[in-house]
N, C-alpha and C. Protein backbone atom coordinates (compact mmCIF):
# COMPACT_ATOMS: atom_id res chain seq x y z
N MET A 1 1.45 -9.37 11.69
CA MET A 1 1.68 -8.12 11.01
C MET A 1 1.27 -8.32 9.55
N ILE A 2 0.44 -7.42 9.03
CA ILE A 2 0.01 -7.47 7.64
C ILE A 2 0.89 -6.52 6.83
N ILE A 3 1.46 -7.04 5.75
CA ILE A 3 2.31 -6.23 4.88
C ILE A 3 1.60 -6.08 3.54
N ASP A 4 1.30 -4.84 3.19
CA ASP A 4 0.59 -4.49 1.96
C ASP A 4 1.61 -3.94 0.96
N THR A 5 1.63 -4.48 -0.25
CA THR A 5 2.61 -4.02 -1.23
C THR A 5 2.47 -2.54 -1.55
N LEU A 6 1.28 -1.98 -1.39
CA LEU A 6 1.09 -0.55 -1.66
C LEU A 6 1.70 0.32 -0.57
N ASN A 7 2.04 -0.26 0.56
CA ASN A 7 2.67 0.47 1.67
C ASN A 7 4.11 0.01 1.89
N THR A 8 4.73 -0.52 0.84
CA THR A 8 6.09 -1.05 0.94
C THR A 8 7.06 -0.16 0.16
N PHE A 9 8.09 0.31 0.85
CA PHE A 9 9.13 1.12 0.21
C PHE A 9 10.19 0.22 -0.42
N HIS A 10 10.69 -0.73 0.35
CA HIS A 10 11.71 -1.67 -0.12
C HIS A 10 11.30 -3.06 0.35
N TRP A 11 11.37 -4.05 -0.52
CA TRP A 11 11.08 -5.42 -0.13
C TRP A 11 12.26 -6.30 -0.52
N LYS A 12 12.98 -6.75 0.51
CA LYS A 12 14.16 -7.60 0.32
C LYS A 12 15.07 -7.01 -0.76
N ARG A 13 15.32 -5.71 -0.62
CA ARG A 13 16.14 -4.95 -1.57
C ARG A 13 17.60 -5.22 -1.32
N GLU A 14 18.29 -5.68 -2.36
CA GLU A 14 19.75 -5.87 -2.29
C GLU A 14 20.40 -4.50 -2.28
N LEU A 15 21.31 -4.29 -1.35
CA LEU A 15 21.98 -3.00 -1.23
C LEU A 15 23.41 -3.09 -1.77
N SER A 16 23.80 -2.06 -2.50
CA SER A 16 25.18 -1.96 -2.97
C SER A 16 25.56 -0.48 -3.05
N GLY A 17 24.94 0.30 -2.19
CA GLY A 17 25.15 1.74 -2.18
C GLY A 17 23.85 2.42 -1.80
N ASN A 18 23.69 3.67 -2.21
CA ASN A 18 22.50 4.43 -1.86
C ASN A 18 21.35 4.07 -2.80
N VAL A 19 20.14 3.86 -2.23
CA VAL A 19 18.96 3.53 -3.04
C VAL A 19 17.77 4.33 -2.56
N SER A 20 16.92 4.72 -3.51
CA SER A 20 15.66 5.39 -3.21
C SER A 20 14.53 4.42 -3.50
N SER A 21 13.48 4.52 -2.73
CA SER A 21 12.33 3.66 -2.95
C SER A 21 11.42 4.25 -4.00
N ASP A 22 10.47 3.44 -4.44
CA ASP A 22 9.36 3.98 -5.19
C ASP A 22 8.59 4.88 -4.24
N VAL A 23 7.75 5.73 -4.79
CA VAL A 23 6.94 6.63 -3.97
C VAL A 23 5.71 5.88 -3.51
N VAL A 24 5.38 6.01 -2.23
CA VAL A 24 4.18 5.43 -1.67
C VAL A 24 3.16 6.55 -1.50
N VAL A 25 1.95 6.35 -2.02
CA VAL A 25 0.89 7.34 -1.87
C VAL A 25 0.24 7.10 -0.51
N THR A 26 0.42 8.04 0.41
CA THR A 26 -0.07 7.85 1.77
C THR A 26 -1.32 8.67 2.09
N SER A 27 -1.56 9.73 1.37
CA SER A 27 -2.76 10.55 1.53
C SER A 27 -2.87 11.24 2.88
N GLY A 28 -1.78 11.39 3.60
CA GLY A 28 -1.81 12.14 4.85
C GLY A 28 -1.75 11.27 6.08
N ASP A 29 -1.88 11.92 7.23
CA ASP A 29 -1.80 11.23 8.52
C ASP A 29 -2.93 10.22 8.68
N ALA A 30 -2.63 9.11 9.31
CA ALA A 30 -3.63 8.12 9.68
C ALA A 30 -3.93 8.31 11.17
N ASP A 31 -4.99 7.72 11.64
CA ASP A 31 -5.31 7.81 13.07
C ASP A 31 -5.77 6.44 13.53
N PRO A 32 -4.98 5.71 14.28
CA PRO A 32 -3.64 6.07 14.75
C PRO A 32 -2.63 5.95 13.60
N ASN A 33 -1.49 6.57 13.79
CA ASN A 33 -0.45 6.54 12.76
C ASN A 33 0.01 5.11 12.50
N LEU A 34 0.36 4.86 11.24
CA LEU A 34 0.88 3.55 10.87
C LEU A 34 2.26 3.32 11.49
N TRP A 35 2.67 2.05 11.53
CA TRP A 35 4.01 1.69 11.99
C TRP A 35 4.96 1.70 10.80
N LEU A 36 6.13 2.24 10.99
CA LEU A 36 7.22 2.16 10.03
C LEU A 36 8.13 1.04 10.51
N VAL A 37 8.36 0.06 9.66
CA VAL A 37 9.19 -1.09 10.03
C VAL A 37 10.38 -1.17 9.08
N VAL A 38 11.57 -1.28 9.66
CA VAL A 38 12.80 -1.51 8.91
C VAL A 38 13.30 -2.88 9.35
N ARG A 39 13.44 -3.80 8.40
CA ARG A 39 13.87 -5.15 8.73
C ARG A 39 15.09 -5.53 7.90
N VAL A 40 16.11 -6.04 8.56
CA VAL A 40 17.31 -6.52 7.87
C VAL A 40 17.06 -7.99 7.51
N ASP A 41 17.02 -8.28 6.21
CA ASP A 41 16.76 -9.64 5.75
C ASP A 41 18.05 -10.43 5.57
N LYS A 42 19.12 -9.76 5.20
CA LYS A 42 20.46 -10.36 5.07
C LYS A 42 21.43 -9.36 5.67
N ALA A 43 22.34 -9.83 6.52
CA ALA A 43 23.24 -8.94 7.28
C ALA A 43 23.81 -7.82 6.41
N LEU A 44 23.85 -6.61 7.00
CA LEU A 44 24.34 -5.43 6.29
C LEU A 44 25.83 -5.25 6.50
N THR A 45 26.46 -4.64 5.52
CA THR A 45 27.84 -4.18 5.65
C THR A 45 27.78 -2.66 5.68
N GLY A 46 28.29 -2.08 6.74
CA GLY A 46 28.23 -0.62 6.90
C GLY A 46 27.16 -0.23 7.90
N THR A 47 26.99 1.07 8.05
CA THR A 47 26.00 1.62 8.97
C THR A 47 24.90 2.27 8.15
N ALA A 48 23.80 1.57 7.96
CA ALA A 48 22.73 2.06 7.09
C ALA A 48 21.99 3.23 7.74
N LEU A 49 21.68 4.22 6.92
CA LEU A 49 20.87 5.37 7.33
C LEU A 49 19.63 5.36 6.46
N ILE A 50 18.47 5.31 7.10
CA ILE A 50 17.20 5.32 6.38
C ILE A 50 16.54 6.66 6.63
N ASN A 51 16.31 7.42 5.56
CA ASN A 51 15.62 8.70 5.65
C ASN A 51 14.26 8.55 5.00
N VAL A 52 13.21 8.90 5.74
CA VAL A 52 11.85 8.84 5.23
C VAL A 52 11.37 10.27 5.02
N TYR A 53 11.03 10.57 3.77
CA TYR A 53 10.60 11.92 3.39
C TYR A 53 9.15 11.91 2.95
N THR A 54 8.49 13.07 3.07
CA THR A 54 7.14 13.23 2.58
C THR A 54 7.04 14.53 1.81
N SER A 55 6.08 14.60 0.90
CA SER A 55 5.93 15.78 0.05
C SER A 55 4.50 15.84 -0.49
N ASP A 56 4.11 17.03 -0.94
CA ASP A 56 2.81 17.19 -1.59
C ASP A 56 2.85 16.75 -3.05
N THR A 57 4.06 16.57 -3.60
CA THR A 57 4.20 16.23 -5.01
C THR A 57 4.86 14.86 -5.19
N GLU A 58 4.47 14.16 -6.24
CA GLU A 58 4.96 12.80 -6.47
C GLU A 58 6.47 12.74 -6.71
N ASN A 59 7.05 13.82 -7.24
CA ASN A 59 8.50 13.82 -7.46
C ASN A 59 9.27 14.20 -6.20
N ILE A 60 8.56 14.29 -5.08
CA ILE A 60 9.13 14.58 -3.76
C ILE A 60 9.91 15.91 -3.78
N ALA A 61 9.36 16.88 -4.51
CA ALA A 61 9.94 18.23 -4.48
C ALA A 61 9.65 18.84 -3.11
N ASN A 62 10.56 19.63 -2.60
CA ASN A 62 10.42 20.24 -1.27
C ASN A 62 10.10 19.20 -0.19
N PRO A 63 10.94 18.17 -0.07
CA PRO A 63 10.65 17.10 0.88
C PRO A 63 10.76 17.56 2.34
N VAL A 64 9.97 16.91 3.17
CA VAL A 64 10.02 17.11 4.62
C VAL A 64 10.51 15.79 5.22
N LEU A 65 11.55 15.84 6.04
CA LEU A 65 12.08 14.63 6.67
C LEU A 65 11.17 14.22 7.82
N LEU A 66 10.64 13.00 7.75
CA LEU A 66 9.81 12.46 8.84
C LEU A 66 10.66 11.69 9.84
N HIS A 67 11.58 10.88 9.32
CA HIS A 67 12.43 10.05 10.18
C HIS A 67 13.83 9.96 9.58
N GLY A 68 14.82 10.00 10.44
CA GLY A 68 16.20 9.70 10.09
C GLY A 68 16.64 8.59 11.03
N ILE A 69 16.79 7.40 10.52
CA ILE A 69 17.05 6.21 11.34
C ILE A 69 18.44 5.67 11.00
N THR A 70 19.28 5.54 12.01
CA THR A 70 20.60 4.94 11.82
C THR A 70 20.60 3.55 12.44
N LEU A 71 20.83 2.55 11.62
CA LEU A 71 20.89 1.17 12.12
C LEU A 71 22.27 0.91 12.71
N PRO A 72 22.38 -0.08 13.59
CA PRO A 72 23.70 -0.42 14.14
C PRO A 72 24.65 -0.84 13.02
N ALA A 73 25.92 -0.58 13.20
CA ALA A 73 26.93 -0.98 12.22
C ALA A 73 26.84 -2.48 11.97
N ASN A 74 26.85 -2.86 10.70
CA ASN A 74 26.81 -4.27 10.30
C ASN A 74 25.64 -5.01 10.95
N ALA A 75 24.46 -4.41 10.89
CA ALA A 75 23.26 -4.99 11.51
C ALA A 75 23.04 -6.41 10.99
N PRO A 76 22.75 -7.35 11.91
CA PRO A 76 22.59 -8.75 11.51
C PRO A 76 21.21 -9.03 10.91
N ALA A 77 21.11 -10.12 10.17
CA ALA A 77 19.82 -10.56 9.65
C ALA A 77 18.85 -10.76 10.82
N GLY A 78 17.62 -10.34 10.63
CA GLY A 78 16.61 -10.46 11.67
C GLY A 78 16.44 -9.21 12.51
N TYR A 79 17.38 -8.27 12.42
CA TYR A 79 17.27 -7.02 13.18
C TYR A 79 16.06 -6.24 12.66
N GLU A 80 15.25 -5.69 13.59
CA GLU A 80 14.10 -4.88 13.21
C GLU A 80 14.08 -3.58 14.00
N TYR A 81 13.68 -2.53 13.33
CA TYR A 81 13.46 -1.22 13.95
C TYR A 81 12.02 -0.86 13.64
N LYS A 82 11.23 -0.57 14.70
CA LYS A 82 9.81 -0.26 14.54
C LYS A 82 9.50 1.04 15.26
N VAL A 83 8.77 1.93 14.58
CA VAL A 83 8.39 3.20 15.18
C VAL A 83 7.09 3.66 14.53
N ARG A 84 6.27 4.36 15.30
CA ARG A 84 5.07 4.97 14.72
C ARG A 84 5.50 6.05 13.74
N LEU A 85 4.87 6.09 12.59
CA LEU A 85 5.17 7.11 11.59
C LEU A 85 4.85 8.48 12.19
N ALA A 86 5.77 9.41 12.03
CA ALA A 86 5.61 10.75 12.60
C ALA A 86 4.40 11.47 12.01
N ASN A 87 3.84 12.40 12.77
CA ASN A 87 2.79 13.26 12.25
C ASN A 87 3.35 14.16 11.16
N GLY A 88 2.48 14.62 10.28
CA GLY A 88 2.90 15.53 9.23
C GLY A 88 3.03 14.88 7.87
N VAL A 89 2.54 13.65 7.74
CA VAL A 89 2.61 12.94 6.47
C VAL A 89 1.76 13.68 5.43
N LYS A 90 2.36 13.91 4.28
CA LYS A 90 1.65 14.55 3.17
C LYS A 90 1.17 13.47 2.20
N ARG A 91 0.84 13.82 1.00
CA ARG A 91 0.27 12.86 0.05
C ARG A 91 1.26 11.76 -0.38
N TYR A 92 2.54 12.09 -0.51
CA TYR A 92 3.52 11.14 -1.03
C TYR A 92 4.66 10.95 -0.03
N THR A 93 5.19 9.72 0.01
CA THR A 93 6.26 9.39 0.95
C THR A 93 7.30 8.52 0.24
N ARG A 94 8.56 8.69 0.62
CA ARG A 94 9.67 7.91 0.04
C ARG A 94 10.66 7.57 1.15
N ALA A 95 11.31 6.42 1.02
CA ALA A 95 12.36 6.02 1.97
C ALA A 95 13.66 5.79 1.21
N ASN A 96 14.71 6.50 1.59
CA ASN A 96 16.04 6.32 1.01
C ASN A 96 16.91 5.55 1.99
N VAL A 97 17.73 4.65 1.46
CA VAL A 97 18.67 3.90 2.28
C VAL A 97 20.08 4.28 1.81
N ASN A 98 20.90 4.75 2.73
CA ASN A 98 22.25 5.20 2.41
C ASN A 98 23.28 4.49 3.29
N ASN A 99 24.51 4.47 2.82
CA ASN A 99 25.71 4.06 3.58
C ASN A 99 25.88 2.57 3.78
N ALA A 100 25.00 1.73 3.29
CA ALA A 100 25.21 0.28 3.40
C ALA A 100 25.75 -0.22 2.06
N THR A 101 26.81 -1.00 2.09
CA THR A 101 27.43 -1.45 0.85
C THR A 101 27.07 -2.88 0.47
N ALA A 102 26.41 -3.59 1.36
CA ALA A 102 25.95 -4.95 1.06
C ALA A 102 24.87 -5.32 2.05
N GLY A 103 24.06 -6.31 1.68
CA GLY A 103 22.99 -6.79 2.53
C GLY A 103 21.65 -6.64 1.85
N THR A 104 20.60 -7.02 2.57
CA THR A 104 19.24 -6.95 2.05
C THR A 104 18.34 -6.36 3.12
N ILE A 105 17.43 -5.46 2.70
CA ILE A 105 16.60 -4.75 3.67
C ILE A 105 15.17 -4.64 3.17
N SER A 106 14.22 -4.60 4.09
CA SER A 106 12.82 -4.31 3.79
C SER A 106 12.38 -3.13 4.64
N VAL A 107 11.64 -2.21 4.02
CA VAL A 107 11.11 -1.03 4.72
C VAL A 107 9.66 -0.88 4.29
N PHE A 108 8.74 -0.86 5.27
CA PHE A 108 7.33 -0.81 4.92
C PHE A 108 6.51 -0.19 6.04
N LEU A 109 5.25 0.13 5.71
CA LEU A 109 4.29 0.63 6.69
C LEU A 109 3.28 -0.48 6.97
N THR A 110 2.81 -0.56 8.21
CA THR A 110 1.79 -1.53 8.57
C THR A 110 0.94 -0.96 9.70
N SER A 111 -0.27 -1.48 9.84
CA SER A 111 -1.16 -0.96 10.88
C SER A 111 -0.93 -1.62 12.23
N GLY A 112 -0.27 -2.77 12.23
CA GLY A 112 -0.02 -3.46 13.49
C GLY A 112 1.30 -4.19 13.44
N ILE A 113 1.92 -4.35 14.60
CA ILE A 113 3.20 -5.06 14.65
C ILE A 113 3.09 -6.25 15.59
N THR A 114 4.00 -7.17 15.42
CA THR A 114 4.08 -8.34 16.28
C THR A 114 5.14 -8.10 17.33
N SER A 115 4.78 -8.24 18.59
CA SER A 115 5.75 -8.08 19.67
C SER A 115 6.51 -9.37 19.86
N LYS A 116 7.78 -9.23 20.24
CA LYS A 116 8.59 -10.43 20.50
C LYS A 116 8.64 -10.69 21.97
């Protein structure tokens, strides 16, 4: 799996509450769609909710929800959630992580994934 910093929302981000990612410039749908990967790097405390939004504007005004992902309660290190990015991606995309009070998480886009 190739991880490009320009397609990374969170990289080993320490969580202590709700966090928003930097904006990723996606320029619209890919063909085939990229993979959205959520990886727990250090066990989480709480039930993390990852919302991925897209918008035509960099400030994510009038956001459209692409994905709402709920991780298992207290997800362990090494847990991964992988899904094809939904259709409807606009120019800008952001990933917010809510409800986790501790732990470390990475959220990114990639063109290919490694099967276990």
